[in-house]
PDB file of all heavy atoms in Angstrom:
ATOM      1  N   LEU A   1      51.361 129.906  69.238  1.00  0.00           N
ATOM      2  CA  LEU A   1      51.221 131.332  69.555  1.00  0.00           C
ATOM      3  C   LEU A   1      49.880 131.864  69.048  1.00  0.00           C
ATOM      4  O   LEU A   1      49.174 132.577  69.765  1.00  0.00           O
ATOM      5  CB  LEU A   1      52.364 132.129  68.937  1.00  0.00           C
ATOM      6  CG  LEU A   1      52.284 133.648  69.075  1.00  0.00           C
ATOM      7  CD1 LEU A   1      52.322 134.073  70.546  1.00  0.00           C
ATOM      8  CD2 LEU A   1      53.394 134.313  68.288  1.00  0.00           C
ATOM      9  N   ALA A   2      49.519 131.497  67.823  1.00  0.00           N
ATOM     10  CA  ALA A   2      48.252 131.960  67.246  1.00  0.00           C
ATOM     11  C   ALA A   2      47.064 131.496  68.076  1.00  0.00           C
ATOM     12  O   ALA A   2      46.120 132.258  68.311  1.00  0.00           O
ATOM     13  CB  ALA A   2      48.125 131.476  65.804  1.00  0.00           C
ATOM     14  N   ALA A   3      47.092 130.254  68.526  1.00  0.00           N
ATOM     15  CA  ALA A   3      45.995 129.728  69.348  1.00  0.00           C
ATOM     16  C   ALA A   3      45.888 130.492  70.667  1.00  0.00           C
ATOM     17  O   ALA A   3      44.781 130.804  71.128  1.00  0.00           O
ATOM     18  CB  ALA A   3      46.201 128.240  69.602  1.00  0.00           C
ATOM     19  N   LYS A   4      47.030 130.820  71.261  1.00  0.00           N
ATOM     20  CA  LYS A   4      47.021 131.588  72.514  1.00  0.00           C
ATOM     21  C   LYS A   4      46.419 132.972  72.285  1.00  0.00           C
ATOM     22  O   LYS A   4      45.650 133.466  73.109  1.00  0.00           O
ATOM     23  CB  LYS A   4      48.434 131.722  73.071  1.00  0.00           C
ATOM     24  CG  LYS A   4      48.966 130.435  73.661  1.00  0.00           C
ATOM     25  CD  LYS A   4      50.382 130.606  74.176  1.00  0.00           C
ATOM     26  CE  LYS A   4      50.918 129.303  74.727  1.00  0.00           C
ATOM     27  NZ  LYS A   4      52.312 129.416  75.207  1.00  0.00           N
ATOM     28  N   VAL A   5      46.772 133.592  71.162  1.00  0.00           N
ATOM     29  CA  VAL A   5      46.239 134.921  70.839  1.00  0.00           C
ATOM     30  C   VAL A   5      44.724 134.861  70.683  1.00  0.00           C
ATOM     31  O   VAL A   5      43.996 135.708  71.208  1.00  0.00           O
ATOM     32  CB  VAL A   5      46.898 135.487  69.565  1.00  0.00           C
ATOM     33  CG1 VAL A   5      46.137 136.686  69.024  1.00  0.00           C
ATOM     34  CG2 VAL A   5      48.346 135.857  69.840  1.00  0.00           C
ATOM     35  N   LEU A   6      44.236 133.854  69.969  1.00  0.00           N
ATOM     36  CA  LEU A   6      42.793 133.757  69.752  1.00  0.00           C
ATOM     37  C   LEU A   6      42.028 133.495  71.048  1.00  0.00           C
ATOM     38  O   LEU A   6      40.853 133.864  71.154  1.00  0.00           O
ATOM     39  CB  LEU A   6      42.482 132.663  68.725  1.00  0.00           C
ATOM     40  CG  LEU A   6      42.860 133.026  67.283  1.00  0.00           C
ATOM     41  CD1 LEU A   6      42.632 131.828  66.370  1.00  0.00           C
ATOM     42  CD2 LEU A   6      42.067 134.220  66.797  1.00  0.00           C
ATOM     43  N   ASN A   7      42.685 132.885  72.022  1.00  0.00           N
ATOM     44  CA  ASN A   7      42.037 132.621  73.304  1.00  0.00           C
ATOM     45  C   ASN A   7      42.227 133.744  74.317  1.00  0.00           C
ATOM     46  O   ASN A   7      41.684 133.675  75.412  1.00  0.00           O
ATOM     47  CB  ASN A   7      42.553 131.299  73.895  1.00  0.00           C
ATOM     48  CG  ASN A   7      41.991 130.108  73.164  1.00  0.00           C
ATOM     49  OD1 ASN A   7      40.792 130.019  72.946  1.00  0.00           O
ATOM     50  ND2 ASN A   7      42.861 129.193  72.773  1.00  0.00           N
ATOM     51  N   ASP A   8      42.978 134.759  73.941  1.00  0.00           N
ATOM     52  CA  ASP A   8      43.252 135.876  74.839  1.00  0.00           C
ATOM     53  C   ASP A   8      42.200 136.973  74.645  1.00  0.00           C
ATOM     54  O   ASP A   8      42.149 137.613  73.595  1.00  0.00           O
ATOM     55  CB  ASP A   8      44.644 136.440  74.544  1.00  0.00           C
ATOM     56  CG  ASP A   8      45.024 137.598  75.451  1.00  0.00           C
ATOM     57  OD1 ASP A   8      44.198 138.029  76.288  1.00  0.00           O
ATOM     58  OD2 ASP A   8      46.174 138.082  75.313  1.00  0.00           O
ATOM     59  N   PRO A   9      41.365 137.215  75.662  1.00  0.00           N
ATOM     60  CA  PRO A   9      40.330 138.245  75.506  1.00  0.00           C
ATOM     61  C   PRO A   9      40.895 139.656  75.359  1.00  0.00           C
ATOM     62  O   PRO A   9      40.209 140.555  74.904  1.00  0.00           O
ATOM     63  CB  PRO A   9      39.495 138.118  76.785  1.00  0.00           C
ATOM     64  CG  PRO A   9      40.356 137.398  77.762  1.00  0.00           C
ATOM     65  CD  PRO A   9      41.322 136.572  76.969  1.00  0.00           C
ATOM     66  N   LYS A  10      42.165 139.856  75.704  1.00  0.00           N
ATOM     67  CA  LYS A  10      42.785 141.174  75.601  1.00  0.00           C
ATOM     68  C   LYS A  10      43.504 141.378  74.265  1.00  0.00           C
ATOM     69  O   LYS A  10      44.017 142.469  74.013  1.00  0.00           O
ATOM     70  CB  LYS A  10      43.775 141.375  76.740  1.00  0.00           C
ATOM     71  CG  LYS A  10      43.108 141.399  78.107  1.00  0.00           C
ATOM     72  CD  LYS A  10      44.126 141.584  79.198  1.00  0.00           C
ATOM     73  CE  LYS A  10      43.442 141.561  80.565  1.00  0.00           C
ATOM     74  NZ  LYS A  10      44.402 141.692  81.663  1.00  0.00           N
ATOM     75  N   ALA A  11      43.540 140.364  73.416  1.00  0.00           N
ATOM     76  CA  ALA A  11      44.227 140.478  72.127  1.00  0.00           C
ATOM     77  C   ALA A  11      43.477 141.459  71.226  1.00  0.00           C
ATOM     78  O   ALA A  11      42.245 141.521  71.230  1.00  0.00           O
ATOM     79  CB  ALA A  11      44.319 139.122  71.458  1.00  0.00           C
ATOM     80  N   SER A  12      44.254 142.207  70.447  1.00  0.00           N
ATOM     81  CA  SER A  12      43.655 143.198  69.544  1.00  0.00           C
ATOM     82  C   SER A  12      43.030 142.513  68.327  1.00  0.00           C
ATOM     83  O   SER A  12      43.297 141.341  68.041  1.00  0.00           O
ATOM     84  CB  SER A  12      44.734 144.174  69.070  1.00  0.00           C
ATOM     85  OG  SER A  12      45.651 143.511  68.210  1.00  0.00           O
ATOM     86  N   ALA A  13      42.229 143.267  67.608  1.00  0.00           N
ATOM     87  CA  ALA A  13      41.609 142.751  66.386  1.00  0.00           C
ATOM     88  C   ALA A  13      42.681 142.368  65.363  1.00  0.00           C
ATOM     89  O   ALA A  13      42.555 141.358  64.662  1.00  0.00           O
ATOM     90  CB  ALA A  13      40.654 143.781  65.802  1.00  0.00           C
ATOM     91  N   LEU A  14      43.747 143.159  65.283  1.00  0.00           N
ATOM     92  CA  LEU A  14      44.843 142.856  64.362  1.00  0.00           C
ATOM     93  C   LEU A  14      45.508 141.540  64.736  1.00  0.00           C
ATOM     94  O   LEU A  14      45.746 140.690  63.870  1.00  0.00           O
ATOM     95  CB  LEU A  14      45.877 143.986  64.369  1.00  0.00           C
ATOM     96  CG  LEU A  14      47.148 143.745  63.557  1.00  0.00           C
ATOM     97  CD1 LEU A  14      46.822 143.470  62.091  1.00  0.00           C
ATOM     98  CD2 LEU A  14      48.105 144.911  63.702  1.00  0.00           C
ATOM     99  N   GLU A  15      45.803 141.362  66.017  1.00  0.00           N
ATOM    100  CA  GLU A  15      46.411 140.109  66.471  1.00  0.00           C
ATOM    101  C   GLU A  15      45.520 138.918  66.120  1.00  0.00           C
ATOM    102  O   GLU A  15      46.003 137.883  65.648  1.00  0.00           O
ATOM    103  CB  GLU A  15      46.663 140.134  67.979  1.00  0.00           C
ATOM    104  CG  GLU A  15      47.796 141.035  68.393  1.00  0.00           C
ATOM    105  CD  GLU A  15      47.914 141.172  69.895  1.00  0.00           C
ATOM    106  OE1 GLU A  15      46.879 141.348  70.581  1.00  0.00           O
ATOM    107  OE2 GLU A  15      49.048 141.110  70.391  1.00  0.00           O
ATOM    108  N   LYS A  16      44.225 139.068  66.343  1.00  0.00           N
ATOM    109  CA  LYS A  16      43.302 137.965  66.075  1.00  0.00           C
ATOM    110  C   LYS A  16      43.187 137.674  64.578  1.00  0.00           C
ATOM    111  O   LYS A  16      43.100 136.515  64.175  1.00  0.00           O
ATOM    112  CB  LYS A  16      41.939 138.237  66.696  1.00  0.00           C
ATOM    113  CG  LYS A  16      42.008 138.160  68.220  1.00  0.00           C
ATOM    114  CD  LYS A  16      40.662 138.179  68.871  1.00  0.00           C
ATOM    115  CE  LYS A  16      40.855 138.049  70.376  1.00  0.00           C
ATOM    116  NZ  LYS A  16      39.859 137.254  71.017  1.00  0.00           N
ATOM    117  N   SER A  17      43.192 138.703  63.754  1.00  0.00           N
ATOM    118  CA  SER A  17      43.143 138.499  62.298  1.00  0.00           C
ATOM    119  C   SER A  17      44.378 137.748  61.818  1.00  0.00           C
ATOM    120  O   SER A  17      44.284 136.798  61.034  1.00  0.00           O
ATOM    121  CB  SER A  17      43.051 139.831  61.561  1.00  0.00           C
ATOM    122  OG  SER A  17      41.824 140.444  61.792  1.00  0.00           O
ATOM    123  N   LEU A  18      45.537 138.188  62.274  1.00  0.00           N
ATOM    124  CA  LEU A  18      46.782 137.525  61.879  1.00  0.00           C
ATOM    125  C   LEU A  18      46.827 136.086  62.404  1.00  0.00           C
ATOM    126  O   LEU A  18      47.220 135.167  61.682  1.00  0.00           O
ATOM    127  CB  LEU A  18      47.986 138.320  62.396  1.00  0.00           C
ATOM    128  CG  LEU A  18      48.186 139.705  61.787  1.00  0.00           C
ATOM    129  CD1 LEU A  18      49.271 140.464  62.556  1.00  0.00           C
ATOM    130  CD2 LEU A  18      48.520 139.618  60.314  1.00  0.00           C
ATOM    131  N   ALA A  19      46.390 135.904  63.639  1.00  0.00           N
ATOM    132  CA  ALA A  19      46.393 134.563  64.233  1.00  0.00           C
ATOM    133  C   ALA A  19      45.452 133.625  63.480  1.00  0.00           C
ATOM    134  O   ALA A  19      45.793 132.457  63.240  1.00  0.00           O
ATOM    135  CB  ALA A  19      45.983 134.640  65.704  1.00  0.00           C
ATOM    136  N   GLY A  20      44.307 134.126  63.088  1.00  0.00           N
ATOM    137  CA  GLY A  20      43.364 133.306  62.318  1.00  0.00           C
ATOM    138  C   GLY A  20      43.959 132.876  60.991  1.00  0.00           C
ATOM    139  O   GLY A  20      43.794 131.727  60.562  1.00  0.00           O
ATOM    140  N   SER A  21      44.679 133.776  60.347  1.00  0.00           N
ATOM    141  CA  SER A  21      45.315 133.443  59.081  1.00  0.00           C
ATOM    142  C   SER A  21      46.396 132.388  59.279  1.00  0.00           C
ATOM    143  O   SER A  21      46.500 131.431  58.505  1.00  0.00           O
ATOM    144  CB  SER A  21      45.920 134.701  58.455  1.00  0.00           C
ATOM    145  OG  SER A  21      46.550 134.378  57.233  1.00  0.00           O
ATOM    146  N   VAL A  22      47.196 132.552  60.321  1.00  0.00           N
ATOM    147  CA  VAL A  22      48.245 131.575  60.613  1.00  0.00           C
ATOM    148  C   VAL A  22      47.626 130.188  60.824  1.00  0.00           C
ATOM    149  O   VAL A  22      48.099 129.199  60.261  1.00  0.00           O
ATOM    150  CB  VAL A  22      49.065 132.003  61.855  1.00  0.00           C
ATOM    151  CG1 VAL A  22      49.921 130.858  62.371  1.00  0.00           C
ATOM    152  CG2 VAL A  22      49.931 133.213  61.524  1.00  0.00           C
ATOM    153  N   LEU A  23      46.578 130.121  61.611  1.00  0.00           N
ATOM    154  CA  LEU A  23      45.957 128.822  61.882  1.00  0.00           C
ATOM    155  C   LEU A  23      45.317 128.215  60.640  1.00  0.00           C
ATOM    156  O   LEU A  23      45.336 126.998  60.464  1.00  0.00           O
ATOM    157  CB  LEU A  23      44.924 128.945  63.003  1.00  0.00           C
ATOM    158  CG  LEU A  23      45.511 129.115  64.401  1.00  0.00           C
ATOM    159  CD1 LEU A  23      44.403 129.283  65.428  1.00  0.00           C
ATOM    160  CD2 LEU A  23      46.393 127.944  64.774  1.00  0.00           C
ATOM    161  N   SER A  24      44.783 129.047  59.763  1.00  0.00           N
ATOM    162  CA  SER A  24      44.157 128.519  58.549  1.00  0.00           C
ATOM    163  C   SER A  24      45.201 127.932  57.597  1.00  0.00           C
ATOM    164  O   SER A  24      44.862 127.189  56.685  1.00  0.00           O
ATOM    165  CB  SER A  24      43.346 129.600  57.835  1.00  0.00           C
ATOM    166  OG  SER A  24      44.194 130.489  57.142  1.00  0.00           O
ATOM    167  N   GLN A  25      46.458 128.269  57.810  1.00  0.00           N
ATOM    168  CA  GLN A  25      47.530 127.786  56.942  1.00  0.00           C
ATOM    169  C   GLN A  25      48.323 126.647  57.562  1.00  0.00           C
ATOM    170  O   GLN A  25      49.336 126.225  57.019  1.00  0.00           O
ATOM    171  CB  GLN A  25      48.450 128.954  56.583  1.00  0.00           C
ATOM    172  CG  GLN A  25      47.732 129.995  55.775  1.00  0.00           C
ATOM    173  CD  GLN A  25      48.492 131.296  55.656  1.00  0.00           C
ATOM    174  OE1 GLN A  25      49.554 131.457  56.193  1.00  0.00           O
ATOM    175  NE2 GLN A  25      47.913 132.240  54.945  1.00  0.00           N
ATOM    176  N   PHE A  26      47.865 126.134  58.677  1.00  0.00           N
ATOM    177  CA  PHE A  26      48.545 125.012  59.331  1.00  0.00           C
ATOM    178  C   PHE A  26      48.007 123.706  58.763  1.00  0.00           C
ATOM    179  O   PHE A  26      46.816 123.441  58.792  1.00  0.00           O
ATOM    180  CB  PHE A  26      48.337 125.052  60.846  1.00  0.00           C
ATOM    181  CG  PHE A  26      49.000 123.926  61.580  1.00  0.00           C
ATOM    182  CD1 PHE A  26      50.377 123.858  61.652  1.00  0.00           C
ATOM    183  CD2 PHE A  26      48.252 122.935  62.189  1.00  0.00           C
ATOM    184  CE1 PHE A  26      51.007 122.823  62.330  1.00  0.00           C
ATOM    185  CE2 PHE A  26      48.865 121.900  62.864  1.00  0.00           C
ATOM    186  CZ  PHE A  26      50.243 121.847  62.932  1.00  0.00           C
ATOM    187  N   GLY A  27      48.887 122.899  58.215  1.00  0.00           N
ATOM    188  CA  GLY A  27      48.497 121.596  57.687  1.00  0.00           C
ATOM    189  C   GLY A  27      47.746 121.675  56.368  1.00  0.00           C
ATOM    190  O   GLY A  27      47.128 120.706  55.951  1.00  0.00           O
ATOM    191  N   THR A  28      47.769 122.838  55.714  1.00  0.00           N
ATOM    192  CA  THR A  28      47.074 123.015  54.436  1.00  0.00           C
ATOM    193  C   THR A  28      47.999 123.773  53.481  1.00  0.00           C
ATOM    194  O   THR A  28      49.079 124.211  53.864  1.00  0.00           O
ATOM    195  CB  THR A  28      45.779 123.833  54.595  1.00  0.00           C
ATOM    196  OG1 THR A  28      46.126 125.190  54.889  1.00  0.00           O
ATOM    197  CG2 THR A  28      44.882 123.282  55.680  1.00  0.00           C
ATOM    198  N   HIS A  29      47.535 123.965  52.283  1.00  0.00           N
ATOM    199  CA  HIS A  29      48.262 124.791  51.324  1.00  0.00           C
ATOM    200  C   HIS A  29      47.515 126.096  51.079  1.00  0.00           C
ATOM    201  O   HIS A  29      47.667 126.724  50.034  1.00  0.00           O
ATOM    202  CB  HIS A  29      48.475 124.042  50.008  1.00  0.00           C
ATOM    203  CG  HIS A  29      49.399 122.877  50.154  1.00  0.00           C
ATOM    204  ND1 HIS A  29      50.740 123.024  50.422  1.00  0.00           N
ATOM    205  CD2 HIS A  29      49.182 121.546  50.096  1.00  0.00           C
ATOM    206  CE1 HIS A  29      51.308 121.833  50.509  1.00  0.00           C
ATOM    207  NE2 HIS A  29      50.386 120.924  50.324  1.00  0.00           N
ATOM    208  N   ASN A  30      46.705 126.529  52.070  1.00  0.00           N
ATOM    209  CA  ASN A  30      46.017 127.812  51.956  1.00  0.00           C
ATOM    210  C   ASN A  30      47.050 128.919  51.825  1.00  0.00           C
ATOM    211  O   ASN A  30      48.137 128.837  52.387  1.00  0.00           O
ATOM    212  CB  ASN A  30      45.162 128.082  53.194  1.00  0.00           C
ATOM    213  CG  ASN A  30      43.963 127.184  53.279  1.00  0.00           C
ATOM    214  OD1 ASN A  30      43.621 126.516  52.325  1.00  0.00           O
ATOM    215  ND2 ASN A  30      43.319 127.156  54.434  1.00  0.00           N
ATOM    216  N   GLN A  31      46.689 129.958  51.107  1.00  0.00           N
ATOM    217  CA  GLN A  31      47.581 131.091  50.897  1.00  0.00           C
ATOM    218  C   GLN A  31      46.987 132.348  51.509  1.00  0.00           C
ATOM    219  O   GLN A  31      45.780 132.477  51.623  1.00  0.00           O
ATOM    220  CB  GLN A  31      47.802 131.312  49.398  1.00  0.00           C
ATOM    221  CG  GLN A  31      48.446 130.142  48.717  1.00  0.00           C
ATOM    222  CD  GLN A  31      48.581 130.372  47.226  1.00  0.00           C
ATOM    223  OE1 GLN A  31      48.750 131.486  46.791  1.00  0.00           O
ATOM    224  NE2 GLN A  31      48.500 129.309  46.456  1.00  0.00           N
ATOM    225  N   THR A  32      47.851 133.254  51.863  1.00  0.00           N
ATOM    226  CA  THR A  32      47.421 134.539  52.397  1.00  0.00           C
ATOM    227  C   THR A  32      46.732 135.353  51.309  1.00  0.00           C
ATOM    228  O   THR A  32      47.252 135.467  50.205  1.00  0.00           O
ATOM    229  CB  THR A  32      48.638 135.323  52.928  1.00  0.00           C
ATOM    230  OG1 THR A  32      49.279 134.554  53.938  1.00  0.00           O
ATOM    231  CG2 THR A  32      48.236 136.675  53.483  1.00  0.00           C
ATOM    232  N   GLY A  33      45.580 135.927  51.635  1.00  0.00           N
ATOM    233  CA  GLY A  33      44.886 136.795  50.689  1.00  0.00           C
ATOM    234  C   GLY A  33      45.583 138.140  50.586  1.00  0.00           C
ATOM    235  O   GLY A  33      46.356 138.541  51.458  1.00  0.00           O
ATOM    236  N   ALA A  34      45.288 138.858  49.511  1.00  0.00           N
ATOM    237  CA  ALA A  34      45.944 140.135  49.245  1.00  0.00           C
ATOM    238  C   ALA A  34      45.696 141.149  50.357  1.00  0.00           C
ATOM    239  O   ALA A  34      46.604 141.871  50.769  1.00  0.00           O
ATOM    240  CB  ALA A  34      45.467 140.690  47.902  1.00  0.00           C
ATOM    241  N   GLU A  35      44.468 141.211  50.849  1.00  0.00           N
ATOM    242  CA  GLU A  35      44.133 142.193  51.888  1.00  0.00           C
ATOM    243  C   GLU A  35      44.906 141.921  53.178  1.00  0.00           C
ATOM    244  O   GLU A  35      45.467 142.841  53.780  1.00  0.00           O
ATOM    245  CB  GLU A  35      42.627 142.164  52.164  1.00  0.00           C
ATOM    246  CG  GLU A  35      42.169 143.216  53.143  1.00  0.00           C
ATOM    247  CD  GLU A  35      40.666 143.206  53.332  1.00  0.00           C
ATOM    248  OE1 GLU A  35      39.921 142.960  52.366  1.00  0.00           O
ATOM    249  OE2 GLU A  35      40.237 143.448  54.470  1.00  0.00           O
ATOM    250  N   LEU A  36      44.951 140.665  53.584  1.00  0.00           N
ATOM    251  CA  LEU A  36      45.665 140.328  54.813  1.00  0.00           C
ATOM    252  C   LEU A  36      47.171 140.467  54.620  1.00  0.00           C
ATOM    253  O   LEU A  36      47.891 140.852  55.544  1.00  0.00           O
ATOM    254  CB  LEU A  36      45.307 138.912  55.280  1.00  0.00           C
ATOM    255  CG  LEU A  36      45.618 138.620  56.740  1.00  0.00           C
ATOM    256  CD1 LEU A  36      44.980 139.653  57.660  1.00  0.00           C
ATOM    257  CD2 LEU A  36      45.136 137.259  57.125  1.00  0.00           C
ATOM    258  N   GLN A  37      47.648 140.194  53.432  1.00  0.00           N
ATOM    259  CA  GLN A  37      49.071 140.383  53.135  1.00  0.00           C
ATOM    260  C   GLN A  37      49.450 141.854  53.316  1.00  0.00           C
ATOM    261  O   GLN A  37      50.488 142.167  53.894  1.00  0.00           O
ATOM    262  CB  GLN A  37      49.394 139.930  51.719  1.00  0.00           C
ATOM    263  CG  GLN A  37      50.851 140.139  51.348  1.00  0.00           C
ATOM    264  CD  GLN A  37      51.143 139.765  49.907  1.00  0.00           C
ATOM    265  OE1 GLN A  37      50.329 139.150  49.235  1.00  0.00           O
ATOM    266  NE2 GLN A  37      52.306 140.139  49.434  1.00  0.00           N
ATOM    267  N   THR A  38      48.610 142.751  52.830  1.00  0.00           N
ATOM    268  CA  THR A  38      48.861 144.188  52.966  1.00  0.00           C
ATOM    269  C   THR A  38      48.849 144.599  54.434  1.00  0.00           C
ATOM    270  O   THR A  38      49.711 145.355  54.886  1.00  0.00           O
ATOM    271  CB  THR A  38      47.805 144.988  52.178  1.00  0.00           C
ATOM    272  OG1 THR A  38      47.885 144.601  50.801  1.00  0.00           O
ATOM    273  CG2 THR A  38      48.006 146.483  52.311  1.00  0.00           C
TER     274      THR A  38
END
């Protein structure tokens, strides 16, 4: 879903920010930052 959002030119900035965070946490132990969590 996140990859589809990032490839969608109509996706909002919020959708793209959330999608980027989701993808950065795939296959890693990356954690959500405080700002994005809020």
